[in-house]
C-alpha cells in the first residue's frame, strides 16, 4: 500500500486507501503479536484451547470428551508486566525547574498530577504487552492539555519515503442505530499536524467521508464560546507519540511465551494424570463384545464386564512420573524469570538476605527497566514540549522545555537491619580513627590534626579554619558561673543524650585533648559542631567547662 494515497487531499481517494490500509494493519504480524500479548496479559493462554484426541476402533481421530482436560493459565506474564511497570514507576515522576523559576514550577504541577501518573503507568504497561503503545494529547474542559493512551492495536503511522511520520490513522468500532436497526460501524480518523479528518464505513462496510460531522475536517481542538460560536485551533504538531518497548518493538511476552506454554502444559497434564489415574486400567481377556468404547463406558458406569469361558480381568495401576514433571516445572519457572528479566519473589535463599543479595536478585529487572526508562524519558521530552507550548499559550509566557529536569526514582526493598549494622560499623570505625588521630596529636602540629579530622567527616578544612578564626570565644560560661568538680561530666552527659555510642566516644576524646592542651578551645568547638553536629552553645559549654577544670588542676 502506497502511503501517498492516505496523504491525498481528495477525501474519496483517502477513503479508498483506508479500506486496504486498515485491513492490512489488522492482519499484520506486528498487530497479531500485539494481540497475543494483550491476550496473555488477560490470562487468555493457549492452554485454554487445548483438546485431547484418540484413535477409535475405526482408525478415526476423535476428540476425547470424557478424558480430563484441566485448563489452568499461569499468569507469569501478567506478573512480570505489572512488576516492571510498578518498579519503574514505584515513585511518582517529578519535574524540577533548572532556572529556579517558582512560577514555572507551579504551572508544571497543574499537568504532573495524579491522572498524569496513571497515564504513564498505562503507557508503559501497554508498550510491554504489545511491543509499542501510542499516546496522544488532547485538551480537557479546563482548556489545559492532557494525555491519554491510544490502543496501539487500532492505530498506525503514515510514513514518507524518509521514514518520517506524516500522519496517524486511528480506527475503532462503535454500535450505532442506522436504518432502523443497531449496526456496528468502524470509524477512522486521519490526523496530521494541522487537522483531523473523519471517515466511517457505509452499509457495505466500505469507508466513506463522514459528512454527518458538524465540522469535517476540523482543527485538533474544538470548543464553543459562551455565545455558542464554534472555535478551533491546531497544536502545530501531530498530537500522537509512539512509545516503543525496545528497538525491534517486541513484546515482553516474546522471549518467554514457549516457556509459559510448556509450563501450562506440564502443570495441566499433571493435573489430568492425577484426575484420570485415580481409576485403574482394566486388562480384559475373552471380552464378549466387539466395541471397546462400550467396554469403557460399562466399566465407568456399571462397573461390570462380560467375559467368555476363558475370560480374565486384570486390574493395573500406573505410577505417575510426579518428580520428573515437578523438576520440569521448576526448570521452566526459572527460565521464565531469567529470560523474562524479572524478579522472582518466591526465592528463599539461605536466610542470609543482605542488601547485596537483594540487589543481585533485582539485577535483571534493573536492566530491563533501564531500557524502558530511556524510551520513557524520550516520550517525556515530547510531552514537556507540548506542556510548555500549552503554558505559553495560556499565560503568555516564553518558557523553554529545556529548563525542565525529569526525576524518575525507583524504590527497592532493603534489609533495614543490614543498613543499621553497616552504619554502626562505619561510625565505630570512624571513632577509632579519630581517637588514633588525637593520640598522635602531641607529635604533630595543630593544623595537620585539624586537617586529618576534617577528612574523616568530609568537611572543608578551609571553611572550618575560617570559622575558628571568626568565632568569638571567651570561657563558654556565664559570668556568674563557678565551675565545680563534676560539672564537666554533667555537661557531657547532657550533650550525650542526642548522640550515639561512637559519637560519644569521639566527643570524649576531643574533650580530653582540649583538657590536656593538645587542642585549642576554638579547635575543639569547631570539631564538635562541624563533625558531630553538636549545637554551638552546647559545644561552648562543654569545652568551656573543660578549660575551667584544666585550669583548676582537677582534670
Protein backbone atom coordinates (compact mmCIF):
# COMPACT_ATOMS: atom_id res chain seq x y z
CA UNK A 1 0.00 0.00 0.00
CA UNK A 2 1.44 3.33 -1.07
CA UNK A 3 1.04 5.83 1.77
CA UNK A 4 0.78 8.74 -0.64
CA UNK A 5 -2.91 7.88 -1.19
CA UNK A 6 -3.56 8.27 2.54
CA UNK A 7 -2.00 11.74 2.38
CA UNK A 8 -4.09 12.82 -0.61
CA UNK A 9 -6.19 15.98 -0.44
CA UNK A 10 -9.08 14.12 -2.06
CA UNK A 11 -11.33 12.52 0.63
CA UNK A 12 -12.57 9.85 -1.81
CA UNK A 13 -9.01 8.73 -2.55
CA UNK A 14 -8.21 8.62 1.16
CA UNK A 15 -11.39 6.63 1.90
CA UNK A 16 -10.49 4.02 -0.71
CA UNK A 17 -6.95 3.80 0.65
CA UNK A 18 -8.23 3.36 4.21
CA UNK A 19 -10.09 0.16 3.24
CA UNK A 20 -6.86 -1.57 2.26
CA UNK A 21 -4.65 0.09 4.90
CA UNK A 22 -6.84 -0.81 7.89
CA UNK A 23 -7.41 -4.37 6.65
CA UNK A 24 -3.66 -4.84 6.15
CA UNK A 25 -2.85 -3.32 9.54
CA UNK A 26 -5.27 -5.57 11.41
CA UNK A 27 -3.70 -8.70 9.88
CA UNK A 28 -0.06 -7.62 10.08
CA UNK A 29 2.44 -9.76 12.05
CA UNK A 30 3.10 -6.82 14.36
CA UNK A 31 -0.56 -6.50 15.31
CA UNK A 32 -1.00 -10.27 15.66
CA UNK A 33 1.91 -10.27 18.10
CA UNK A 34 0.40 -7.32 19.97
CA UNK A 35 -2.96 -9.09 20.22
CA UNK A 36 -1.25 -12.19 21.61
CA UNK A 37 0.49 -10.11 24.27
CA UNK A 38 -2.79 -8.45 25.20
CA UNK A 39 -4.48 -11.86 25.33
CA UNK A 40 -1.87 -13.43 27.60
CA UNK A 41 -1.91 -10.41 29.92
CA UNK A 42 -5.64 -11.04 30.37
CA UNK A 43 -4.99 -14.72 31.30
CA UNK A 44 -6.18 -15.96 27.91
CA UNK A 45 -3.42 -18.52 27.27
CA UNK A 46 -3.21 -21.12 24.50
CA UNK A 47 -3.81 -23.84 27.10
CA UNK A 48 -7.45 -22.73 27.26
CA UNK A 49 -7.85 -24.06 23.69
CA UNK A 50 -6.25 -27.41 24.44
CA UNK A 51 -8.06 -30.51 23.14
CA UNK A 52 -7.35 -34.21 23.67
CA UNK A 53 -7.76 -36.75 20.84
CA UNK A 54 -7.58 -40.51 20.41
CA UNK A 55 -7.85 -43.05 17.59
CA UNK A 56 -11.11 -45.01 17.75
CA UNK A 57 -11.79 -48.60 16.62
CA UNK A 58 -12.20 -47.40 13.05
CA UNK A 59 -8.82 -45.64 12.99
CA UNK A 60 -10.57 -42.29 13.05
CA UNK A 61 -9.24 -39.34 15.03
CA UNK A 62 -11.78 -38.42 17.68
CA UNK A 63 -11.83 -35.82 20.41
CA UNK A 64 -11.91 -37.46 23.82
CA UNK A 65 -14.64 -35.60 25.66
CA UNK A 66 -14.51 -38.00 28.61
CA UNK A 67 -10.82 -37.54 29.42
CA UNK A 68 -9.79 -34.97 32.00
CA UNK A 69 -8.75 -31.76 30.27
CA UNK A 70 -7.90 -29.29 33.00
CA UNK A 71 -7.01 -25.83 31.67
CA UNK A 72 -5.18 -23.53 34.07
CA UNK A 73 -3.30 -20.47 32.71
CA UNK A 74 -0.34 -19.48 34.87
CA UNK A 75 -0.12 -15.68 34.82
CA UNK A 76 3.68 -15.24 34.75
CA UNK A 77 3.42 -12.63 32.01
CA UNK A 78 0.82 -10.56 33.86
CA UNK A 79 3.03 -10.58 36.95
CA UNK A 80 6.14 -9.54 35.02
CA UNK A 81 4.44 -6.68 33.16
CA UNK A 82 2.95 -5.30 36.39
CA UNK A 83 6.26 -5.83 38.18
CA UNK A 84 8.18 -3.87 35.54
CA UNK A 85 5.62 -1.05 35.48
CA UNK A 86 5.39 -0.68 39.25
CA UNK A 87 9.15 -0.94 39.78
CA UNK A 88 9.98 1.62 37.10
CA UNK A 89 7.27 4.00 38.34
CA UNK A 90 7.32 3.00 42.02
CA UNK A 91 7.58 6.70 42.87
CA UNK A 92 5.70 9.47 41.03
CA UNK A 93 7.63 11.07 38.17
CA UNK A 94 8.61 14.55 39.30
CA UNK A 95 9.99 17.57 37.49
CA UNK A 96 12.40 20.25 38.62
CA UNK A 97 12.99 23.64 37.05
CA UNK A 98 16.65 24.33 36.39
CA UNK A 99 16.16 28.11 36.15
CA UNK A 100 14.71 28.29 39.72
CA UNK A 101 11.50 29.90 38.43
CA UNK A 102 8.94 29.04 41.11
CA UNK A 103 6.03 30.25 39.00
CA UNK A 104 7.09 27.95 36.14
CA UNK A 105 7.25 25.02 38.56
CA UNK A 106 3.79 25.89 39.86
CA UNK A 107 2.42 25.83 36.32
CA UNK A 108 4.01 22.42 35.68
CA UNK A 109 2.40 20.96 38.79
CA UNK A 110 -1.00 21.52 37.15
CA UNK A 111 -0.02 18.97 34.49
CA UNK A 112 2.02 16.47 36.54
CA UNK A 113 -0.95 15.44 38.67
CA UNK A 114 -2.32 12.05 39.76
CA UNK A 115 -4.06 11.48 36.41
CA UNK A 116 -0.74 12.00 34.65
CA UNK A 117 0.96 9.37 36.83
CA UNK A 118 -1.81 6.87 35.97
CA UNK A 119 -1.38 7.70 32.28
CA UNK A 120 2.37 6.94 32.47
CA UNK A 121 1.69 3.55 34.04
CA UNK A 122 -0.84 2.71 31.32
CA UNK A 123 1.65 3.72 28.61
CA UNK A 124 4.49 1.58 30.00
CA UNK A 125 2.10 -1.33 30.57
CA UNK A 126 0.75 -1.10 27.02
CA UNK A 127 4.22 -0.98 25.45
CA UNK A 128 5.28 -4.03 27.47
CA UNK A 129 2.21 -6.03 26.44
CA UNK A 130 2.04 -5.03 22.78
CA UNK A 131 5.61 -4.01 21.86
CA UNK A 132 4.63 -0.36 21.45
CA UNK A 133 1.91 1.98 22.61
CA UNK A 134 0.52 5.22 21.23
CA UNK A 135 -0.22 8.20 23.44
CA UNK A 136 -1.98 11.33 22.31
CA UNK A 137 -2.52 14.86 23.56
CA UNK A 138 -5.92 16.46 23.90
CA UNK A 139 -7.42 19.49 25.62
CA UNK A 140 -9.79 19.00 28.56
CA UNK A 141 -12.71 21.11 29.73
CA UNK A 142 -10.30 23.43 31.61
CA UNK A 143 -8.58 24.37 28.34
CA UNK A 144 -5.49 22.51 29.56
CA UNK A 145 -3.64 19.87 27.60
CA UNK A 146 -3.72 16.33 28.98
CA UNK A 147 -2.56 12.94 27.75
CA UNK A 148 -4.19 9.56 27.18
CA UNK A 149 -3.26 6.16 25.83
CA UNK A 150 -4.48 5.21 22.36
CA UNK A 151 -4.73 1.45 21.86
CA UNK A 152 -1.83 0.64 19.52
CA UNK A 153 -3.75 -2.31 18.05
CA UNK A 154 -6.11 0.24 16.45
CA UNK A 155 -3.53 2.90 15.48
CA UNK A 156 -0.82 3.04 12.82
CA UNK A 157 1.55 5.66 11.44
CA UNK A 158 1.75 7.03 7.91
CA UNK A 159 5.41 7.30 6.93
CA UNK A 160 7.02 9.07 3.99
CA UNK A 161 9.96 7.84 1.91
CA UNK A 162 12.37 9.07 4.60
CA UNK A 163 10.58 7.12 7.35
CA UNK A 164 9.27 10.33 8.93
CA UNK A 165 5.75 10.33 10.38
CA UNK A 166 3.40 12.41 8.26
CA UNK A 167 0.13 11.29 9.75
CA UNK A 168 -1.63 8.96 12.15
CA UNK A 169 -4.66 6.76 11.49
CA UNK A 170 -6.82 5.71 14.43
CA UNK A 171 -9.82 3.44 13.95
CA UNK A 172 -12.39 1.85 16.23
CA UNK A 173 -15.73 0.05 16.16
CA UNK A 174 -18.91 1.51 17.58
CA UNK A 175 -22.50 0.30 17.71
CA UNK A 176 -24.94 2.87 16.30
CA UNK A 177 -28.59 2.98 15.24
CA UNK A 178 -28.79 3.16 11.44
CA UNK A 179 -31.68 2.49 9.07
CA UNK A 180 -33.91 1.27 11.85
CA UNK A 181 -31.51 -1.25 13.39
CA UNK A 182 -28.39 -1.45 15.51
CA UNK A 183 -25.24 -1.96 13.45
CA UNK A 184 -21.52 -1.95 14.16
CA UNK A 185 -19.71 0.81 12.30
CA UNK A 186 -15.96 1.29 12.02
CA UNK A 187 -14.83 4.90 12.36
CA UNK A 188 -11.50 6.12 11.07
CA UNK A 189 -9.59 9.29 11.97
CA UNK A 190 -6.66 10.67 9.98
CA UNK A 191 -4.50 13.12 11.94
CA UNK A 192 -1.80 15.41 10.59
CA UNK A 193 -0.03 18.41 12.12
CA UNK A 194 -2.92 20.78 11.43
CA UNK A 195 -6.23 18.91 11.40
CA UNK A 196 -8.13 15.64 11.77
CA UNK A 197 -10.43 14.15 9.11
CA UNK A 198 -13.18 11.65 9.94
CA UNK A 199 -14.34 8.62 7.96
CA UNK A 200 -16.79 5.79 8.64
CA UNK A 201 -17.96 2.58 6.98
CA UNK A 202 -21.20 2.54 4.98
CA UNK A 203 -23.79 -0.24 4.78
CA UNK A 204 -21.41 -2.20 2.55
CA UNK A 205 -18.54 -1.98 5.03
CA UNK A 206 -16.55 0.43 2.83
CA UNK A 207 -15.01 3.62 4.19
CA UNK A 208 -16.56 6.92 3.12
CA UNK A 209 -16.11 10.52 4.13
CA UNK A 210 -18.16 11.16 7.31
CA UNK A 211 -20.42 14.01 6.19
CA UNK A 212 -22.55 13.80 9.35
CA UNK A 213 -19.85 15.51 11.39
CA UNK A 214 -20.55 19.15 12.21
CA UNK A 215 -17.09 20.13 11.03
CA UNK A 216 -15.01 17.74 8.91
CA UNK A 217 -12.08 18.10 8.67
CA UNK A 218 -11.60 20.11 11.82
CA UNK A 219 -8.69 21.54 13.87
CA UNK A 220 -7.15 19.45 16.65
CA UNK A 221 -9.03 21.35 19.37
CA UNK A 222 -12.67 22.31 19.05
CA UNK A 223 -14.81 24.26 21.53
CA UNK A 224 -17.67 26.70 21.81
CA UNK A 225 -17.60 30.15 23.38
CA UNK A 226 -20.36 31.38 25.74
CA UNK A 227 -22.31 32.65 22.73
CA UNK A 228 -22.28 29.20 21.12
CA UNK A 229 -19.79 30.05 18.39
CA UNK A 230 -17.54 27.19 17.25
CA UNK A 231 -13.84 27.81 17.91
CA UNK A 232 -10.85 25.72 16.93
CA UNK A 233 -7.07 25.70 16.95
CA UNK A 234 -4.24 23.43 15.91
CA UNK A 235 -1.45 22.10 18.13
CA UNK A 236 1.01 22.70 15.26
CA UNK A 237 2.24 19.12 15.61
CA UNK A 238 0.83 15.61 15.24
CA UNK A 239 -0.59 15.04 18.75
CA UNK A 240 0.48 11.37 18.86
CA UNK A 241 3.65 9.68 20.11
CA UNK A 242 4.71 6.05 19.63
CA UNK A 243 6.35 4.60 22.76
CA UNK A 244 8.44 1.56 21.78
CA UNK A 245 9.18 -1.27 24.17
CA UNK A 246 12.58 -1.94 22.57
CA UNK A 247 14.45 -1.47 19.32
CA UNK A 248 12.54 -4.18 17.45
CA UNK A 249 9.30 -3.41 19.28
CA UNK A 250 8.99 -6.94 20.62
CA UNK A 251 6.62 -7.60 23.47
CA UNK A 252 7.85 -8.77 26.86
CA UNK A 253 5.97 -12.00 26.09
CA UNK A 254 8.04 -12.95 23.03
CA UNK A 255 11.09 -14.44 24.82
CA UNK A 256 9.03 -16.42 27.33
CA UNK A 257 5.83 -17.47 25.53
CA UNK A 258 7.10 -21.00 24.65
CA UNK A 259 8.22 -21.46 28.25
CA UNK A 260 4.86 -20.33 29.65
CA UNK A 261 3.03 -22.63 27.21
CA UNK A 262 5.25 -25.54 28.26
CA UNK A 263 4.67 -24.76 31.95
CA UNK A 264 0.90 -24.61 31.39
CA UNK A 265 1.01 -27.91 29.52
CA UNK A 266 3.16 -29.71 32.10
CA UNK A 267 1.09 -28.45 35.05
CA UNK A 268 -2.26 -29.15 33.44
CA UNK A 269 -1.33 -32.64 32.24
CA UNK A 270 -0.02 -33.42 35.70
CA UNK A 271 -3.46 -32.47 36.99
CA UNK A 272 -5.05 -34.58 34.24
CA UNK A 273 -2.90 -37.56 35.27
CA UNK A 274 -3.86 -37.18 38.90
CA UNK A 275 -7.50 -36.93 37.90
CA UNK A 276 -7.51 -39.87 35.49
CA UNK A 277 -5.15 -42.22 37.28
CA UNK A 278 -7.36 -42.42 40.33
CA UNK A 279 -9.10 -45.13 38.30
CA UNK A 280 -7.33 -48.36 37.43
CA UNK A 281 -6.57 -49.74 33.97
CA UNK A 282 -8.54 -52.88 33.15
CA UNK A 283 -6.79 -55.63 31.16
CA UNK A 284 -9.58 -57.79 29.69
CA UNK A 285 -9.21 -61.24 28.07
CA UNK A 286 -12.12 -63.01 26.43
CA UNK A 287 -14.35 -59.94 26.19
CA UNK A 288 -17.80 -60.85 24.91
CA UNK A 289 -18.26 -57.98 22.52
CA UNK A 290 -16.65 -56.07 19.65
CA UNK A 291 -16.88 -52.45 20.78
CA UNK A 292 -14.17 -51.20 23.13
CA UNK A 293 -15.99 -47.91 23.54
CA UNK A 294 -18.92 -49.79 25.09
CA UNK A 295 -16.47 -51.68 27.30
CA UNK A 296 -15.02 -48.40 28.57
CA UNK A 297 -18.48 -46.99 29.24
CA UNK A 298 -19.60 -50.18 31.02
CA UNK A 299 -16.59 -50.01 33.32
CA UNK A 300 -17.19 -46.33 34.10
CA UNK A 301 -20.95 -46.56 34.51
CA UNK A 302 -21.88 -50.12 35.53
CA UNK A 303 -18.56 -51.40 36.90
CA UNK A 304 -19.23 -54.72 35.10
CA UNK A 305 -17.57 -56.60 32.22
CA UNK A 306 -18.95 -59.54 30.26
CA UNK A 307 -16.30 -62.27 29.82
CA UNK A 308 -16.18 -65.59 27.93
CA UNK A 309 -15.44 -69.05 29.29
CA UNK A 310 -11.68 -68.45 29.42
CA UNK A 311 -12.01 -64.74 30.08
CA UNK A 312 -9.85 -62.90 32.55
CA UNK A 313 -9.86 -59.41 34.08
CA UNK A 314 -6.68 -57.91 35.44
CA UNK A 315 -6.59 -54.51 37.17
CA UNK A 316 -3.45 -52.44 36.65
CA UNK A 317 -2.37 -49.19 38.30
CA UNK A 318 0.10 -46.70 36.90
CA UNK A 319 2.69 -44.66 38.74
CA UNK A 320 2.54 -41.00 37.77
CA UNK A 321 6.01 -39.52 36.98
CA UNK A 322 5.45 -36.79 39.56
CA UNK A 323 9.09 -35.96 40.35
CA UNK A 324 10.02 -35.71 36.70
CA UNK A 325 7.17 -33.34 35.93
CA UNK A 326 7.88 -31.30 39.06
CA UNK A 327 11.54 -30.92 38.04
CA UNK A 328 10.46 -29.81 34.56
CA UNK A 329 8.10 -27.24 36.07
CA UNK A 330 10.93 -25.87 38.22
CA UNK A 331 13.23 -25.63 35.19
CA UNK A 332 10.56 -23.81 33.18
CA UNK A 333 9.82 -21.42 36.04
CA UNK A 334 13.49 -20.48 36.49
CA UNK A 335 13.84 -19.90 32.75
CA UNK A 336 10.68 -17.77 32.64
CA UNK A 337 12.08 -15.37 35.25
CA UNK A 338 15.58 -15.44 33.79
CA UNK A 339 14.69 -14.77 30.15
CA UNK A 340 11.80 -12.54 31.16
CA UNK A 341 14.36 -10.48 33.13
CA UNK A 342 12.12 -10.38 36.18
CA UNK A 343 12.37 -10.65 39.96
CA UNK A 344 11.25 -13.97 41.41
CA UNK A 345 9.68 -13.13 44.77
CA UNK A 346 9.41 -16.82 45.68
CA UNK A 347 13.18 -17.20 46.03
CA UNK A 348 14.08 -18.07 49.61
CA UNK A 349 17.86 -18.49 49.61
CA UNK A 350 19.80 -19.49 52.70
CA UNK A 351 18.18 -16.96 55.02
CA UNK A 352 21.09 -14.51 54.81
CA UNK A 353 19.25 -11.86 52.77
CA UNK A 354 21.67 -8.94 52.78
CA UNK A 355 21.27 -5.85 50.63
CA UNK A 356 23.92 -7.22 48.28
CA UNK A 357 21.80 -10.36 47.75
CA UNK A 358 18.65 -8.27 47.22
CA UNK A 359 20.44 -6.08 44.68
CA UNK A 360 21.70 -9.13 42.78
CA UNK A 361 18.16 -10.51 42.55
CA UNK A 362 16.93 -7.22 41.10
CA UNK A 363 19.79 -7.06 38.55
CA UNK A 364 17.84 -8.43 35.57
CA UNK A 365 14.77 -6.33 36.35
CA UNK A 366 17.01 -3.26 36.64
CA UNK A 367 18.49 -3.98 33.20
CA UNK A 368 15.03 -4.28 31.66
CA UNK A 369 13.81 -1.11 33.36
CA UNK A 370 16.93 0.80 32.24
CA UNK A 371 15.95 0.14 28.62
CA UNK A 372 12.36 1.13 29.29
CA UNK A 373 13.38 4.28 31.16
CA UNK A 374 15.47 5.57 28.24
CA UNK A 375 12.44 5.39 25.94
CA UNK A 376 10.14 6.76 28.64
CA UNK A 377 12.39 9.81 29.02
CA UNK A 378 12.26 10.39 25.26
CA UNK A 379 8.45 10.37 25.45
CA UNK A 380 8.52 12.73 28.45
CA UNK A 381 10.70 15.14 26.45
CA UNK A 382 7.98 15.23 23.76
CA UNK A 383 5.31 15.65 26.44
CA UNK A 384 7.24 18.53 28.04
CA UNK A 385 7.41 20.27 24.67
CA UNK A 386 3.62 20.02 24.39
CA UNK A 387 3.09 21.13 28.00
CA UNK A 388 5.39 24.16 27.73
CA UNK A 389 3.73 25.24 24.49
CA UNK A 390 0.37 25.00 26.27
CA UNK A 391 1.64 27.01 29.27
CA UNK A 392 2.99 29.73 26.99
CA UNK A 393 -0.35 29.86 25.16
CA UNK A 394 -2.43 30.07 28.32
CA UNK A 395 -0.32 32.52 30.30
CA UNK A 396 1.50 34.47 27.59
CA UNK A 397 4.93 33.33 28.79
CA UNK A 398 8.06 32.24 26.93
CA UNK A 399 9.27 29.24 28.91
CA UNK A 400 11.56 26.60 27.41
CA UNK A 401 11.17 22.82 27.77
CA UNK A 402 14.95 22.57 28.09
CA UNK A 403 14.61 24.15 31.57
CA UNK A 404 12.72 21.06 32.85
CA UNK A 405 14.56 18.21 34.55
CA UNK A 406 12.67 14.91 34.96
CA UNK A 407 13.32 12.74 38.03
CA UNK A 408 12.48 9.02 37.92
CA UNK A 409 13.38 7.29 41.19
CA UNK A 410 12.87 3.55 41.65
CA UNK A 411 12.27 2.00 45.04
CA UNK A 412 13.73 -1.35 46.06
CA UNK A 413 13.07 -3.34 49.20
CA UNK A 414 16.03 -3.30 51.61
CA UNK A 415 17.19 -5.10 54.72
CA UNK A 416 16.88 -2.39 57.40
CA UNK A 417 18.94 -4.40 59.88
CA UNK A 418 21.76 -4.63 57.36
CA UNK A 419 21.70 -0.85 56.88
CA UNK A 420 21.78 -0.18 60.63
CA UNK A 421 24.62 -2.66 61.14
CA UNK A 422 26.69 -1.11 58.36
CA UNK A 423 26.04 2.41 59.69
CA UNK A 424 27.07 1.35 63.19
CA UNK A 425 30.24 -0.31 61.90
CA UNK A 426 31.09 2.79 59.88
CA UNK A 427 30.56 5.07 62.90
CA UNK A 428 32.67 2.86 65.17
CA UNK A 429 35.45 2.72 62.59
CA UNK A 430 35.41 6.49 62.28
CA UNK A 431 35.54 6.85 66.08
CA UNK A 432 38.65 4.65 66.25
CA UNK A 433 40.32 6.70 63.52
CA UNK A 434 39.53 9.95 65.37
CA UNK A 435 40.96 8.55 68.61
CA UNK A 436 44.11 7.49 66.78
CA UNK A 437 44.50 10.96 65.28
CA UNK A 438 44.04 12.61 68.68
CA UNK A 439 46.52 10.18 70.27
CA UNK A 440 49.11 11.25 67.74
CA UNK A 441 48.23 14.95 68.11
CA UNK A 442 51.07 15.81 70.56
CA UNK A 443 53.62 14.79 67.91
CA UNK A 444 52.17 16.81 65.02
CA UNK A 445 51.07 20.40 64.61
CA UNK A 446 47.52 21.59 65.28
CA UNK A 447 46.84 22.42 61.62
CA UNK A 448 47.63 18.87 60.49
CA UNK A 449 45.43 17.40 63.25
CA UNK A 450 42.53 19.57 62.16
CA UNK A 451 43.01 18.59 58.51
CA UNK A 452 43.01 14.87 59.34
CA UNK A 453 39.82 15.20 61.39
CA UNK A 454 38.12 17.20 58.63
CA UNK A 455 38.98 14.47 56.12
CA UNK A 456 37.20 11.85 58.25
CA UNK A 457 33.98 13.88 58.39
CA UNK A 458 34.17 15.17 54.78
CA UNK A 459 34.46 18.76 55.99
CA UNK A 460 36.06 21.66 54.17
CA UNK A 461 39.20 22.38 56.19
CA UNK A 462 39.45 25.97 54.97
CA UNK A 463 35.83 26.60 55.99
CA UNK A 464 36.42 25.12 59.45
CA UNK A 465 39.62 27.14 59.87
CA UNK A 466 37.78 30.29 58.88
CA UNK A 467 35.05 29.50 61.40
CA UNK A 468 37.67 29.12 64.13
CA UNK A 469 39.25 32.47 63.26
CA UNK A 470 35.90 34.29 63.18
CA UNK A 471 34.48 32.68 66.29
CA UNK A 472 34.35 34.84 69.37
CA UNK A 473 35.06 32.54 72.25
CA UNK A 474 35.78 33.54 75.85
CA UNK A 475 35.18 30.94 78.51
CA UNK A 476 31.93 29.47 77.20
CA UNK A 477 30.34 30.06 80.64
CA UNK A 478 28.10 32.73 82.04
CA UNK A 479 29.84 35.42 84.08
CA UNK A 480 28.24 34.31 87.34
CA UNK A 481 29.08 30.60 86.87
CA UNK A 482 31.74 28.99 89.01
CA UNK A 483 32.99 25.64 87.68
CA UNK A 484 32.94 22.93 90.27
CA UNK A 485 34.10 19.33 90.44
CA UNK A 486 31.85 17.09 88.29
CA UNK A 487 30.37 19.89 86.16
CA UNK A 488 32.27 18.66 83.10
CA UNK A 489 30.72 15.22 83.41
CA UNK A 490 27.28 16.80 83.78
CA UNK A 491 27.71 18.86 80.61
CA UNK A 492 28.99 15.83 78.69
CA UNK A 493 26.06 13.73 79.89
CA UNK A 494 23.58 16.41 78.80
CA UNK A 495 25.04 16.60 75.28
CA UNK A 496 25.31 12.81 75.03
CA UNK A 497 21.52 12.43 75.06
CA UNK A 498 21.39 13.26 71.34
CA UNK A 499 24.44 11.19 70.27
CA UNK A 500 25.09 7.54 69.52
CA UNK A 501 27.84 5.44 71.12
CA UNK A 502 30.51 6.13 68.53
CA UNK A 503 29.78 9.89 68.59
CA UNK A 504 30.00 9.97 72.41
CA UNK A 505 33.40 8.26 72.25
CA UNK A 506 34.63 10.80 69.71
CA UNK A 507 33.33 13.71 71.83
CA UNK A 508 35.06 12.39 74.96
CA UNK A 509 38.33 12.03 73.08
CA UNK A 510 38.14 15.62 71.83
CA UNK A 511 37.27 16.94 75.33
CA UNK A 512 40.24 15.07 76.78
CA UNK A 513 42.58 16.60 74.20
CA UNK A 514 41.29 20.10 74.99
CA UNK A 515 41.70 19.42 78.72
CA UNK A 516 45.24 18.16 78.11
CA UNK A 517 46.04 21.22 75.98
CA UNK A 518 46.63 19.19 72.80
CA UNK A 519 43.80 21.02 71.01
CA UNK A 520 42.82 24.63 71.49
CA UNK A 521 39.33 25.53 72.70
CA UNK A 522 38.42 27.00 69.31
CA UNK A 523 39.52 23.84 67.51
CA UNK A 524 37.57 21.65 69.93
CA UNK A 525 34.40 23.68 69.46
CA UNK A 526 34.77 23.65 65.67
CA UNK A 527 35.22 19.87 65.58
CA UNK A 528 32.25 19.22 67.88
CA UNK A 529 29.90 21.44 65.88
CA UNK A 530 31.02 20.56 62.37
CA UNK A 531 31.79 16.86 62.64
CA UNK A 532 29.41 15.66 65.35
CA UNK A 533 26.60 18.15 64.71
CA UNK A 534 26.55 19.40 68.31
CA UNK A 535 24.82 22.73 68.89
CA UNK A 536 27.28 25.65 69.12
CA UNK A 537 26.05 26.76 72.57
CA UNK A 538 26.36 23.21 73.93
CA UNK A 539 29.83 22.80 72.43
CA UNK A 540 30.93 26.07 74.03
CA UNK A 541 29.65 24.93 77.40
CA UNK A 542 31.41 21.57 77.23
CA UNK A 543 34.73 22.99 76.08
CA UNK A 544 34.41 25.95 78.44
CA UNK A 545 33.95 23.66 81.45
CA UNK A 546 36.83 21.50 80.21
CA UNK A 547 39.09 24.57 80.22
CA UNK A 548 37.97 25.56 83.68
CA UNK A 549 38.60 22.06 85.00
CA UNK A 550 42.06 22.05 83.40
CA UNK A 551 42.86 25.47 84.88
CA UNK A 552 41.78 24.43 88.37
CA UNK A 553 44.01 21.35 88.18
CA UNK A 554 41.14 18.90 88.73
CA UNK A 555 41.38 17.31 85.32
